[in-house]
């Protein structure tokens, strides 16, 4: 008797993938709106340029690899990579910075490994780390909220002029890391700080939190990885929180609402391809990211460690899955070692 040929549950075609990607894009809208309100058209320009570059590189490499271009472009994965990367870049980033970041994400983070579903690392974080390591000044200088006009912003993007000193500033994480003399209360008088996690940053993080909760409601992913990351980050910052003195590393609320915390928790660590797949594995994966984020922020060389933490845990994901894979029903756990002759 011939057995019926039935595809596995996850292989439901490009329509399923496209729907998931569209929901992810929809969930980024609160963050896009807040960033646009704070920084004007800079975020929208980043999004448009990164999307065009991502689709261009994707089409070119699919053509080189002799794959159906339209079929794979329609799944929306390249567009999601571009959007997440563009949201992580500073508004009004120079055109070449966005080009390098997006091109690296598609080429080295995705197509080099065979395309969607085969990449061991998160593509957006690959692109982000490439430009962060190569161009740290451009990547850690953000415009002052409501302070950059479209004309001067376009000139900065095209490389005609740099943003004036009064229109650019270090982030709150930069200020906290470099501070050696001022108390936290004195730092809060700095224009980079808001109420909890830096002016603008705290509102943006709340916006991405809202988008993440929407995805959680739609059951696009389980709660384990985001909760693991946020809980570990909060616990680490609580354990090593040394008050409000000049050597303070920041409170738990500061770390939860600063940098790319919520973007990373709900849009990056939930990647089903490059992260752990088992339930316990996702919890461990997220917790590992949260711990590494704090370690890099507090004692590392970069102000925000989300991208590095994610990539390091991507390396550990296969090992995490190996040790947390659920036991098959009716089978014993695999024994360590074996007897001679077996």
C-alpha atoms as a PDB file:
ATOM      1  CA  UNK A   1       0.000   0.000   0.000  1.00  0.00           C
ATOM      2  CA  UNK A   2       1.400   3.375  -0.994  1.00  0.00           C
ATOM      3  CA  UNK A   3       1.755   5.885   1.788  1.00  0.00           C
ATOM      4  CA  UNK A   4       0.234   9.375   1.255  1.00  0.00           C
ATOM      5  CA  UNK A   5       2.748  12.138   0.580  1.00  0.00           C
ATOM      6  CA  UNK A   6       2.033  14.874   3.111  1.00  0.00           C
ATOM      7  CA  UNK A   7       4.243  17.862   3.709  1.00  0.00           C
ATOM      8  CA  UNK A   8       5.496  18.693   7.170  1.00  0.00           C
ATOM      9  CA  UNK A   9       3.468  21.239   9.180  1.00  0.00           C
ATOM     10  CA  UNK A  10       5.920  24.101   8.610  1.00  0.00           C
ATOM     11  CA  UNK A  11       6.128  23.635   4.838  1.00  0.00           C
ATOM     12  CA  UNK A  12       2.899  25.408   3.910  1.00  0.00           C
ATOM     13  CA  UNK A  13       4.275  27.438   1.017  1.00  0.00           C
ATOM     14  CA  UNK A  14       5.168  31.073   0.470  1.00  0.00           C
ATOM     15  CA  UNK A  15       1.690  32.320   1.405  1.00  0.00           C
ATOM     16  CA  UNK A  16       2.265  31.373   5.040  1.00  0.00           C
ATOM     17  CA  UNK A  17       5.708  33.000   5.035  1.00  0.00           C
ATOM     18  CA  UNK A  18       4.340  36.108   3.356  1.00  0.00           C
ATOM     19  CA  UNK A  19       1.550  36.418   5.915  1.00  0.00           C
ATOM     20  CA  UNK A  20       4.011  36.123   8.800  1.00  0.00           C
ATOM     21  CA  UNK A  21       6.304  38.754   7.290  1.00  0.00           C
ATOM     22  CA  UNK A  22       3.402  41.142   6.698  1.00  0.00           C
ATOM     23  CA  UNK A  23       2.338  40.810  10.336  1.00  0.00           C
ATOM     24  CA  UNK A  24       5.893  41.540  11.466  1.00  0.00           C
ATOM     25  CA  UNK A  25       5.975  44.630   9.254  1.00  0.00           C
ATOM     26  CA  UNK A  26       2.633  45.738  10.673  1.00  0.00           C
ATOM     27  CA  UNK A  27       3.942  45.300  14.218  1.00  0.00           C
ATOM     28  CA  UNK A  28       6.827  47.681  13.515  1.00  0.00           C
ATOM     29  CA  UNK A  29       4.427  50.518  12.665  1.00  0.00           C
ATOM     30  CA  UNK A  30       4.179  51.911  16.238  1.00  0.00           C
ATOM     31  CA  UNK A  31       7.970  52.160  16.369  1.00  0.00           C
ATOM     32  CA  UNK A  32       8.128  53.712  12.897  1.00  0.00           C
ATOM     33  CA  UNK A  33       5.524  56.315  13.851  1.00  0.00           C
ATOM     34  CA  UNK A  34       7.313  57.268  17.080  1.00  0.00           C
ATOM     35  CA  UNK A  35      10.726  57.447  15.383  1.00  0.00           C
ATOM     36  CA  UNK A  36       9.259  59.606  12.610  1.00  0.00           C
ATOM     37  CA  UNK A  37       7.632  61.888  15.181  1.00  0.00           C
ATOM     38  CA  UNK A  38      10.957  62.263  17.004  1.00  0.00           C
ATOM     39  CA  UNK A  39      13.354  62.528  14.070  1.00  0.00           C
ATOM     40  CA  UNK A  40      11.249  63.538  11.106  1.00  0.00           C
ATOM     41  CA  UNK A  41      11.749  61.988   7.688  1.00  0.00           C
ATOM     42  CA  UNK A  42      15.137  60.474   8.565  1.00  0.00           C
ATOM     43  CA  UNK A  43      13.637  57.154   9.629  1.00  0.00           C
ATOM     44  CA  UNK A  44      11.395  56.960   6.551  1.00  0.00           C
ATOM     45  CA  UNK A  45      14.352  57.678   4.271  1.00  0.00           C
ATOM     46  CA  UNK A  46      16.307  54.903   5.981  1.00  0.00           C
ATOM     47  CA  UNK A  47      13.398  52.522   5.476  1.00  0.00           C
ATOM     48  CA  UNK A  48      12.906  53.312   1.784  1.00  0.00           C
ATOM     49  CA  UNK A  49      16.595  53.175   0.901  1.00  0.00           C
ATOM     50  CA  UNK A  50      17.279  49.993   2.910  1.00  0.00           C
ATOM     51  CA  UNK A  51      14.238  48.276   1.380  1.00  0.00           C
ATOM     52  CA  UNK A  52      15.332  49.139  -2.163  1.00  0.00           C
ATOM     53  CA  UNK A  53      18.887  47.921  -1.479  1.00  0.00           C
ATOM     54  CA  UNK A  54      17.673  44.685   0.129  1.00  0.00           C
ATOM     55  CA  UNK A  55      15.323  43.830  -2.723  1.00  0.00           C
ATOM     56  CA  UNK A  56      18.020  44.686  -5.264  1.00  0.00           C
ATOM     57  CA  UNK A  57      20.667  42.477  -3.628  1.00  0.00           C
ATOM     58  CA  UNK A  58      18.145  39.693  -3.099  1.00  0.00           C
ATOM     59  CA  UNK A  59      17.068  39.727  -6.751  1.00  0.00           C
ATOM     60  CA  UNK A  60      20.652  39.859  -8.003  1.00  0.00           C
ATOM     61  CA  UNK A  61      21.830  36.938  -5.886  1.00  0.00           C
ATOM     62  CA  UNK A  62      18.745  34.855  -6.667  1.00  0.00           C
ATOM     63  CA  UNK A  63      19.467  35.436 -10.346  1.00  0.00           C
ATOM     64  CA  UNK A  64      23.094  34.390  -9.884  1.00  0.00           C
ATOM     65  CA  UNK A  65      21.991  31.281  -7.988  1.00  0.00           C
ATOM     66  CA  UNK A  66      19.402  30.533 -10.692  1.00  0.00           C
ATOM     67  CA  UNK A  67      16.474  30.652  -8.295  1.00  0.00           C
ATOM     68  CA  UNK A  68      12.975  31.977  -9.113  1.00  0.00           C
ATOM     69  CA  UNK A  69      13.323  35.667  -8.327  1.00  0.00           C
ATOM     70  CA  UNK A  70       9.682  36.715  -8.053  1.00  0.00           C
ATOM     71  CA  UNK A  71       8.726  33.715  -5.917  1.00  0.00           C
ATOM     72  CA  UNK A  72      11.336  34.462  -3.258  1.00  0.00           C
ATOM     73  CA  UNK A  73      10.930  38.234  -3.366  1.00  0.00           C
ATOM     74  CA  UNK A  74       7.219  37.848  -2.652  1.00  0.00           C
ATOM     75  CA  UNK A  75       7.817  36.055   0.652  1.00  0.00           C
ATOM     76  CA  UNK A  76       8.751  39.400   2.264  1.00  0.00           C
ATOM     77  CA  UNK A  77      11.764  38.133   4.217  1.00  0.00           C
ATOM     78  CA  UNK A  78      14.220  40.520   2.560  1.00  0.00           C
ATOM     79  CA  UNK A  79      11.877  43.418   3.260  1.00  0.00           C
ATOM     80  CA  UNK A  80      11.595  42.484   6.945  1.00  0.00           C
ATOM     81  CA  UNK A  81      15.394  42.297   7.224  1.00  0.00           C
ATOM     82  CA  UNK A  82      15.695  45.745   5.652  1.00  0.00           C
ATOM     83  CA  UNK A  83      13.038  47.293   7.899  1.00  0.00           C
ATOM     84  CA  UNK A  84      14.490  45.892  11.132  1.00  0.00           C
ATOM     85  CA  UNK A  85      17.958  47.028  10.129  1.00  0.00           C
ATOM     86  CA  UNK A  86      16.777  50.493   9.088  1.00  0.00           C
ATOM     87  CA  UNK A  87      14.985  50.952  12.414  1.00  0.00           C
ATOM     88  CA  UNK A  88      18.179  50.080  14.275  1.00  0.00           C
ATOM     89  CA  UNK A  89      20.334  52.541  12.304  1.00  0.00           C
ATOM     90  CA  UNK A  90      20.486  56.200  13.366  1.00  0.00           C
ATOM     91  CA  UNK A  91      18.029  58.401  11.421  1.00  0.00           C
ATOM     92  CA  UNK A  92      19.606  60.286   8.518  1.00  0.00           C
ATOM     93  CA  UNK A  93      22.389  57.710   8.260  1.00  0.00           C
ATOM     94  CA  UNK A  94      24.707  58.364   5.283  1.00  0.00           C
ATOM     95  CA  UNK A  95      23.523  56.538   2.172  1.00  0.00           C
ATOM     96  CA  UNK A  96      26.662  54.431   1.979  1.00  0.00           C
ATOM     97  CA  UNK A  97      26.270  53.270   5.600  1.00  0.00           C
ATOM     98  CA  UNK A  98      22.772  51.942   4.931  1.00  0.00           C
ATOM     99  CA  UNK A  99      23.990  50.394   1.673  1.00  0.00           C
ATOM    100  CA  UNK A 100      26.835  48.518   3.368  1.00  0.00           C
ATOM    101  CA  UNK A 101      24.677  47.397   6.288  1.00  0.00           C
ATOM    102  CA  UNK A 102      21.798  46.138   4.144  1.00  0.00           C
ATOM    103  CA  UNK A 103      24.032  44.561   1.530  1.00  0.00           C
ATOM    104  CA  UNK A 104      25.985  42.717   4.224  1.00  0.00           C
ATOM    105  CA  UNK A 105      22.742  41.490   5.810  1.00  0.00           C
ATOM    106  CA  UNK A 106      21.437  40.006   2.559  1.00  0.00           C
ATOM    107  CA  UNK A 107      24.735  38.698   1.185  1.00  0.00           C
ATOM    108  CA  UNK A 108      26.590  37.471   4.276  1.00  0.00           C
ATOM    109  CA  UNK A 109      23.649  36.941   6.604  1.00  0.00           C
ATOM    110  CA  UNK A 110      21.193  35.212   4.278  1.00  0.00           C
ATOM    111  CA  UNK A 111      22.078  34.249   0.701  1.00  0.00           C
ATOM    112  CA  UNK A 112      25.579  33.009   1.526  1.00  0.00           C
ATOM    113  CA  UNK A 113      23.979  30.165   3.489  1.00  0.00           C
ATOM    114  CA  UNK A 114      21.338  29.319   0.903  1.00  0.00           C
ATOM    115  CA  UNK A 115      18.535  31.752   1.640  1.00  0.00           C
ATOM    116  CA  UNK A 116      15.585  31.888   4.015  1.00  0.00           C
ATOM    117  CA  UNK A 117      15.469  29.069   6.546  1.00  0.00           C
ATOM    118  CA  UNK A 118      19.133  28.112   6.249  1.00  0.00           C
ATOM    119  CA  UNK A 119      20.904  31.070   7.857  1.00  0.00           C
ATOM    120  CA  UNK A 120      22.510  30.310  11.246  1.00  0.00           C
ATOM    121  CA  UNK A 121      22.786  34.007  12.142  1.00  0.00           C
ATOM    122  CA  UNK A 122      20.182  36.755  12.197  1.00  0.00           C
ATOM    123  CA  UNK A 123      20.749  38.670   8.925  1.00  0.00           C
ATOM    124  CA  UNK A 124      19.768  42.097  10.277  1.00  0.00           C
ATOM    125  CA  UNK A 125      22.215  41.754  13.161  1.00  0.00           C
ATOM    126  CA  UNK A 126      24.982  40.686  10.776  1.00  0.00           C
ATOM    127  CA  UNK A 127      24.507  43.892   8.791  1.00  0.00           C
ATOM    128  CA  UNK A 128      24.308  45.998  11.935  1.00  0.00           C
ATOM    129  CA  UNK A 129      27.502  44.579  13.442  1.00  0.00           C
ATOM    130  CA  UNK A 130      29.441  45.037  10.183  1.00  0.00           C
ATOM    131  CA  UNK A 131      28.823  48.794  10.149  1.00  0.00           C
ATOM    132  CA  UNK A 132      29.027  49.169  13.941  1.00  0.00           C
ATOM    133  CA  UNK A 133      32.525  47.704  14.002  1.00  0.00           C
ATOM    134  CA  UNK A 134      33.620  49.542  10.856  1.00  0.00           C
ATOM    135  CA  UNK A 135      32.035  52.956  11.483  1.00  0.00           C
ATOM    136  CA  UNK A 136      31.469  53.370  15.255  1.00  0.00           C
ATOM    137  CA  UNK A 137      31.207  57.170  15.193  1.00  0.00           C
ATOM    138  CA  UNK A 138      28.422  57.248  12.591  1.00  0.00           C
ATOM    139  CA  UNK A 139      26.610  54.402  14.347  1.00  0.00           C
ATOM    140  CA  UNK A 140      26.594  55.923  17.827  1.00  0.00           C
ATOM    141  CA  UNK A 141      25.607  59.504  16.984  1.00  0.00           C
ATOM    142  CA  UNK A 142      21.886  60.175  16.841  1.00  0.00           C
ATOM    143  CA  UNK A 143      20.093  63.415  15.899  1.00  0.00           C
ATOM    144  CA  UNK A 144      18.535  65.480  18.656  1.00  0.00           C
ATOM    145  CA  UNK A 145      14.776  64.759  18.718  1.00  0.00           C
ATOM    146  CA  UNK A 146      12.814  67.376  16.774  1.00  0.00           C
ATOM    147  CA  UNK A 147      16.117  69.090  15.962  1.00  0.00           C
ATOM    148  CA  UNK A 148      16.990  68.132  12.366  1.00  0.00           C
ATOM    149  CA  UNK A 149      15.307  69.640   9.337  1.00  0.00           C
ATOM    150  CA  UNK A 150      14.716  67.701   6.125  1.00  0.00           C
ATOM    151  CA  UNK A 151      17.121  69.854   4.112  1.00  0.00           C
ATOM    152  CA  UNK A 152      20.090  69.449   6.439  1.00  0.00           C
ATOM    153  CA  UNK A 153      19.224  65.789   6.965  1.00  0.00           C
ATOM    154  CA  UNK A 154      19.317  65.088   3.218  1.00  0.00           C
ATOM    155  CA  UNK A 155      22.647  66.883   2.906  1.00  0.00           C
ATOM    156  CA  UNK A 156      24.010  64.651   5.675  1.00  0.00           C
ATOM    157  CA  UNK A 157      22.673  61.509   3.974  1.00  0.00           C
ATOM    158  CA  UNK A 158      24.273  62.486   0.668  1.00  0.00           C
ATOM    159  CA  UNK A 159      27.559  63.380   2.372  1.00  0.00           C
ATOM    160  CA  UNK A 160      27.438  67.065   1.437  1.00  0.00           C
ATOM    161  CA  UNK A 161      27.624  68.353   5.014  1.00  0.00           C
ATOM    162  CA  UNK A 162      27.747  66.828   8.492  1.00  0.00           C
ATOM    163  CA  UNK A 163      25.067  67.467  11.061  1.00  0.00           C
ATOM    164  CA  UNK A 164      25.939  70.522  13.201  1.00  0.00           C
ATOM    165  CA  UNK A 165      27.084  69.744  16.731  1.00  0.00           C
ATOM    166  CA  UNK A 166      23.900  71.170  18.181  1.00  0.00           C
ATOM    167  CA  UNK A 167      21.809  68.795  16.070  1.00  0.00           C
ATOM    168  CA  UNK A 168      23.493  65.555  17.051  1.00  0.00           C
ATOM    169  CA  UNK A 169      24.126  63.889  20.389  1.00  0.00           C
ATOM    170  CA  UNK A 170      25.378  60.716  22.043  1.00  0.00           C
ATOM    171  CA  UNK A 171      22.765  58.261  23.245  1.00  0.00           C
ATOM    172  CA  UNK A 172      21.903  57.777  26.904  1.00  0.00           C
ATOM    173  CA  UNK A 173      23.789  54.463  26.905  1.00  0.00           C
ATOM    174  CA  UNK A 174      26.890  56.274  25.589  1.00  0.00           C
ATOM    175  CA  UNK A 175      26.639  58.922  28.289  1.00  0.00           C
ATOM    176  CA  UNK A 176      26.134  56.342  31.048  1.00  0.00           C
ATOM    177  CA  UNK A 177      29.097  54.238  29.878  1.00  0.00           C
ATOM    178  CA  UNK A 178      31.510  57.170  29.584  1.00  0.00           C
ATOM    179  CA  UNK A 179      30.428  58.912  32.781  1.00  0.00           C
ATOM    180  CA  UNK A 180      33.005  58.908  35.571  1.00  0.00           C
ATOM    181  CA  UNK A 181      32.149  62.006  37.601  1.00  0.00           C
ATOM    182  CA  UNK A 182      28.427  62.867  37.586  1.00  0.00           C
ATOM    183  CA  UNK A 183      25.718  61.177  39.623  1.00  0.00           C
ATOM    184  CA  UNK A 184      22.673  59.702  37.932  1.00  0.00           C
ATOM    185  CA  UNK A 185      20.581  62.694  39.064  1.00  0.00           C
ATOM    186  CA  UNK A 186      23.087  65.045  37.452  1.00  0.00           C
ATOM    187  CA  UNK A 187      23.146  62.957  34.296  1.00  0.00           C
ATOM    188  CA  UNK A 188      19.401  63.242  34.048  1.00  0.00           C
ATOM    189  CA  UNK A 189      19.846  66.953  33.451  1.00  0.00           C
ATOM    190  CA  UNK A 190      21.679  66.009  30.228  1.00  0.00           C
ATOM    191  CA  UNK A 191      19.649  66.432  27.048  1.00  0.00           C
ATOM    192  CA  UNK A 192      20.244  62.766  26.177  1.00  0.00           C
ATOM    193  CA  UNK A 193      18.171  61.591  29.136  1.00  0.00           C
ATOM    194  CA  UNK A 194      14.428  61.453  29.508  1.00  0.00           C
ATOM    195  CA  UNK A 195      12.519  60.010  32.447  1.00  0.00           C
ATOM    196  CA  UNK A 196      13.859  56.452  32.506  1.00  0.00           C
ATOM    197  CA  UNK A 197      15.885  55.323  29.509  1.00  0.00           C
ATOM    198  CA  UNK A 198      16.891  58.333  27.482  1.00  0.00           C
ATOM    199  CA  UNK A 199      14.789  60.939  25.730  1.00  0.00           C
ATOM    200  CA  UNK A 200      13.096  59.370  22.735  1.00  0.00           C
ATOM    201  CA  UNK A 201      14.517  55.917  23.457  1.00  0.00           C
ATOM    202  CA  UNK A 202      12.045  55.147  26.215  1.00  0.00           C
ATOM    203  CA  UNK A 203       9.057  56.061  24.012  1.00  0.00           C
ATOM    204  CA  UNK A 204      10.470  54.071  21.095  1.00  0.00           C
ATOM    205  CA  UNK A 205      10.969  51.032  23.314  1.00  0.00           C
ATOM    206  CA  UNK A 206       7.387  51.242  24.541  1.00  0.00           C
ATOM    207  CA  UNK A 207       6.220  51.440  20.923  1.00  0.00           C
ATOM    208  CA  UNK A 208       8.155  48.291  19.995  1.00  0.00           C
ATOM    209  CA  UNK A 209       6.800  46.631  23.138  1.00  0.00           C
ATOM    210  CA  UNK A 210       3.278  47.323  21.865  1.00  0.00           C
ATOM    211  CA  UNK A 211       4.161  45.845  18.475  1.00  0.00           C
ATOM    212  CA  UNK A 212       5.714  42.807  20.122  1.00  0.00           C
ATOM    213  CA  UNK A 213       2.631  42.187  22.239  1.00  0.00           C
ATOM    214  CA  UNK A 214       0.571  42.332  19.038  1.00  0.00           C
ATOM    215  CA  UNK A 215       2.728  39.573  17.516  1.00  0.00           C
ATOM    216  CA  UNK A 216       2.468  37.586  20.723  1.00  0.00           C
ATOM    217  CA  UNK A 217      -1.313  37.943  20.578  1.00  0.00           C
ATOM    218  CA  UNK A 218      -1.241  36.655  16.992  1.00  0.00           C
ATOM    219  CA  UNK A 219       0.839  33.689  18.228  1.00  0.00           C
ATOM    220  CA  UNK A 220       3.624  34.229  15.750  1.00  0.00           C
ATOM    221  CA  UNK A 221       6.015  33.172  18.481  1.00  0.00           C
ATOM    222  CA  UNK A 222       5.891  31.980  22.084  1.00  0.00           C
ATOM    223  CA  UNK A 223       6.646  34.156  25.103  1.00  0.00           C
ATOM    224  CA  UNK A 224       9.736  32.219  26.156  1.00  0.00           C
ATOM    225  CA  UNK A 225      12.539  34.020  24.267  1.00  0.00           C
ATOM    226  CA  UNK A 226      11.373  37.627  24.892  1.00  0.00           C
ATOM    227  CA  UNK A 227      10.523  37.008  28.539  1.00  0.00           C
ATOM    228  CA  UNK A 228      13.815  35.187  29.031  1.00  0.00           C
ATOM    229  CA  UNK A 229      15.758  38.103  27.586  1.00  0.00           C
ATOM    230  CA  UNK A 230      13.916  40.848  29.463  1.00  0.00           C
ATOM    231  CA  UNK A 231      13.916  38.964  32.773  1.00  0.00           C
ATOM    232  CA  UNK A 232      17.628  38.182  32.553  1.00  0.00           C
ATOM    233  CA  UNK A 233      18.480  41.767  31.620  1.00  0.00           C
ATOM    234  CA  UNK A 234      16.359  43.129  34.482  1.00  0.00           C
ATOM    235  CA  UNK A 235      17.861  40.656  36.953  1.00  0.00           C
ATOM    236  CA  UNK A 236      21.435  41.410  35.923  1.00  0.00           C
ATOM    237  CA  UNK A 237      20.892  45.165  36.143  1.00  0.00           C
ATOM    238  CA  UNK A 238      19.232  44.738  39.541  1.00  0.00           C
ATOM    239  CA  UNK A 239      22.047  42.576  40.954  1.00  0.00           C
ATOM    240  CA  UNK A 240      24.778  44.940  39.723  1.00  0.00           C
ATOM    241  CA  UNK A 241      22.870  48.174  40.276  1.00  0.00           C
ATOM    242  CA  UNK A 242      25.132  50.183  42.563  1.00  0.00           C
ATOM    243  CA  UNK A 243      22.866  53.119  43.260  1.00  0.00           C
ATOM    244  CA  UNK A 244      22.952  56.560  41.707  1.00  0.00           C
ATOM    245  CA  UNK A 245      26.638  57.331  42.055  1.00  0.00           C
ATOM    246  CA  UNK A 246      29.026  58.195  39.267  1.00  0.00           C
ATOM    247  CA  UNK A 247      29.978  54.526  38.806  1.00  0.00           C
ATOM    248  CA  UNK A 248      26.368  53.393  38.366  1.00  0.00           C
ATOM    249  CA  UNK A 249      25.580  51.068  35.471  1.00  0.00           C
ATOM    250  CA  UNK A 250      21.935  52.080  35.427  1.00  0.00           C
ATOM    251  CA  UNK A 251      18.732  50.766  36.965  1.00  0.00           C
ATOM    252  CA  UNK A 252      16.684  47.842  35.574  1.00  0.00           C
ATOM    253  CA  UNK A 253      14.127  50.275  34.158  1.00  0.00           C
ATOM    254  CA  UNK A 254      16.906  52.225  32.442  1.00  0.00           C
ATOM    255  CA  UNK A 255      18.181  49.106  30.680  1.00  0.00           C
ATOM    256  CA  UNK A 256      14.728  47.869  29.720  1.00  0.00           C
ATOM    257  CA  UNK A 257      13.830  51.198  28.082  1.00  0.00           C
ATOM    258  CA  UNK A 258      17.198  52.064  26.510  1.00  0.00           C
ATOM    259  CA  UNK A 259      18.812  51.218  23.221  1.00  0.00           C
ATOM    260  CA  UNK A 260      17.334  48.381  21.173  1.00  0.00           C
ATOM    261  CA  UNK A 261      16.027  46.338  24.102  1.00  0.00           C
ATOM    262  CA  UNK A 262      12.399  45.897  23.022  1.00  0.00           C
ATOM    263  CA  UNK A 263      13.248  45.706  19.331  1.00  0.00           C
ATOM    264  CA  UNK A 264      15.677  42.919  20.155  1.00  0.00           C
ATOM    265  CA  UNK A 265      13.329  41.109  22.536  1.00  0.00           C
ATOM    266  CA  UNK A 266      10.305  40.907  20.240  1.00  0.00           C
ATOM    267  CA  UNK A 267      11.674  41.191  16.710  1.00  0.00           C
ATOM    268  CA  UNK A 268      15.180  39.689  16.830  1.00  0.00           C
ATOM    269  CA  UNK A 269      15.472  36.912  19.446  1.00  0.00           C
ATOM    270  CA  UNK A 270      12.143  35.496  18.242  1.00  0.00           C
ATOM    271  CA  UNK A 271      13.650  34.629  14.844  1.00  0.00           C
ATOM    272  CA  UNK A 272      12.620  30.970  14.358  1.00  0.00           C
ATOM    273  CA  UNK A 273      15.561  30.190  12.066  1.00  0.00           C
ATOM    274  CA  UNK A 274      18.626  31.450  13.927  1.00  0.00           C
ATOM    275  CA  UNK A 275      17.333  30.916  17.470  1.00  0.00           C
ATOM    276  CA  UNK A 276      16.643  27.841  19.560  1.00  0.00           C
ATOM    277  CA  UNK A 277      13.589  25.775  18.650  1.00  0.00           C
ATOM    278  CA  UNK A 278      12.592  23.844  21.780  1.00  0.00           C
ATOM    279  CA  UNK A 279      10.473  25.512  24.451  1.00  0.00           C
ATOM    280  CA  UNK A 280      13.133  25.344  27.150  1.00  0.00           C
ATOM    281  CA  UNK A 281      15.766  26.175  24.559  1.00  0.00           C
ATOM    282  CA  UNK A 282      14.028  29.418  23.624  1.00  0.00           C
ATOM    283  CA  UNK A 283      13.902  30.428  27.277  1.00  0.00           C
ATOM    284  CA  UNK A 284      17.620  29.706  27.705  1.00  0.00           C
ATOM    285  CA  UNK A 285      18.414  31.437  24.419  1.00  0.00           C
ATOM    286  CA  UNK A 286      16.572  34.611  25.450  1.00  0.00           C
ATOM    287  CA  UNK A 287      18.133  34.582  28.915  1.00  0.00           C
ATOM    288  CA  UNK A 288      21.586  34.244  27.369  1.00  0.00           C
ATOM    289  CA  UNK A 289      20.945  37.255  25.159  1.00  0.00           C
ATOM    290  CA  UNK A 290      19.768  39.315  28.147  1.00  0.00           C
ATOM    291  CA  UNK A 291      22.837  38.442  30.203  1.00  0.00           C
ATOM    292  CA  UNK A 292      25.221  39.225  27.363  1.00  0.00           C
ATOM    293  CA  UNK A 293      23.458  42.530  26.627  1.00  0.00           C
ATOM    294  CA  UNK A 294      24.087  43.691  30.175  1.00  0.00           C
ATOM    295  CA  UNK A 295      27.676  42.415  30.240  1.00  0.00           C
ATOM    296  CA  UNK A 296      28.490  44.315  27.039  1.00  0.00           C
ATOM    297  CA  UNK A 297      26.686  47.459  28.169  1.00  0.00           C
ATOM    298  CA  UNK A 298      28.282  47.522  31.605  1.00  0.00           C
ATOM    299  CA  UNK A 299      31.802  46.224  30.964  1.00  0.00           C
ATOM    300  CA  UNK A 300      32.221  45.885  27.202  1.00  0.00           C
ATOM    301  CA  UNK A 301      33.482  48.334  24.628  1.00  0.00           C
ATOM    302  CA  UNK A 302      30.115  49.191  23.039  1.00  0.00           C
ATOM    303  CA  UNK A 303      27.197  51.086  24.582  1.00  0.00           C
ATOM    304  CA  UNK A 304      24.488  48.693  23.353  1.00  0.00           C
ATOM    305  CA  UNK A 305      25.123  44.973  23.041  1.00  0.00           C
ATOM    306  CA  UNK A 306      21.934  43.567  21.519  1.00  0.00           C
ATOM    307  CA  UNK A 307      23.435  42.717  18.119  1.00  0.00           C
ATOM    308  CA  UNK A 308      26.583  41.108  19.537  1.00  0.00           C
ATOM    309  CA  UNK A 309      24.576  39.200  22.148  1.00  0.00           C
ATOM    310  CA  UNK A 310      22.183  37.805  19.541  1.00  0.00           C
ATOM    311  CA  UNK A 311      24.990  36.670  17.227  1.00  0.00           C
ATOM    312  CA  UNK A 312      26.865  34.989  20.080  1.00  0.00           C
ATOM    313  CA  UNK A 313      23.722  33.132  21.127  1.00  0.00           C
ATOM    314  CA  UNK A 314      23.064  32.184  17.495  1.00  0.00           C
ATOM    315  CA  UNK A 315      26.329  30.256  17.738  1.00  0.00           C
ATOM    316  CA  UNK A 316      25.043  28.505  20.856  1.00  0.00           C
ATOM    317  CA  UNK A 317      21.550  27.734  19.518  1.00  0.00           C
ATOM    318  CA  UNK A 318      22.386  24.265  18.061  1.00  0.00           C
ATOM    319  CA  UNK A 319      24.002  23.195  21.342  1.00  0.00           C
ATOM    320  CA  UNK A 320      21.043  24.523  23.335  1.00  0.00           C
ATOM    321  CA  UNK A 321      18.646  22.562  21.133  1.00  0.00           C
ATOM    322  CA  UNK A 322      20.761  19.421  21.464  1.00  0.00           C
ATOM    323  CA  UNK A 323      20.488  19.427  25.254  1.00  0.00           C
ATOM    324  CA  UNK A 324      16.889  20.664  25.517  1.00  0.00           C
ATOM    325  CA  UNK A 325      15.260  18.649  22.733  1.00  0.00           C
ATOM    326  CA  UNK A 326      12.142  16.948  24.158  1.00  0.00           C
ATOM    327  CA  UNK A 327      12.316  13.177  24.475  1.00  0.00           C
ATOM    328  CA  UNK A 328      10.364  11.273  21.834  1.00  0.00           C
ATOM    329  CA  UNK A 329       7.312   9.585  23.307  1.00  0.00           C
ATOM    330  CA  UNK A 330       8.024   5.962  24.180  1.00  0.00           C
ATOM    331  CA  UNK A 331      11.809   6.319  23.999  1.00  0.00           C
ATOM    332  CA  UNK A 332      14.398   6.581  26.717  1.00  0.00           C
ATOM    333  CA  UNK A 333      16.837   9.454  26.865  1.00  0.00           C
ATOM    334  CA  UNK A 334      20.027   8.816  24.965  1.00  0.00           C
ATOM    335  CA  UNK A 335      22.695   7.454  27.264  1.00  0.00           C
ATOM    336  CA  UNK A 336      26.061   9.103  27.558  1.00  0.00           C
ATOM    337  CA  UNK A 337      28.602   6.824  25.882  1.00  0.00           C
ATOM    338  CA  UNK A 338      28.078   3.231  24.776  1.00  0.00           C
ATOM    339  CA  UNK A 339      29.288  -0.242  25.558  1.00  0.00           C
ATOM    340  CA  UNK A 340      31.949  -1.862  23.434  1.00  0.00           C
ATOM    341  CA  UNK A 341      30.358  -3.880  20.672  1.00  0.00           C
ATOM    342  CA  UNK A 342      26.998  -2.056  20.730  1.00  0.00           C
END
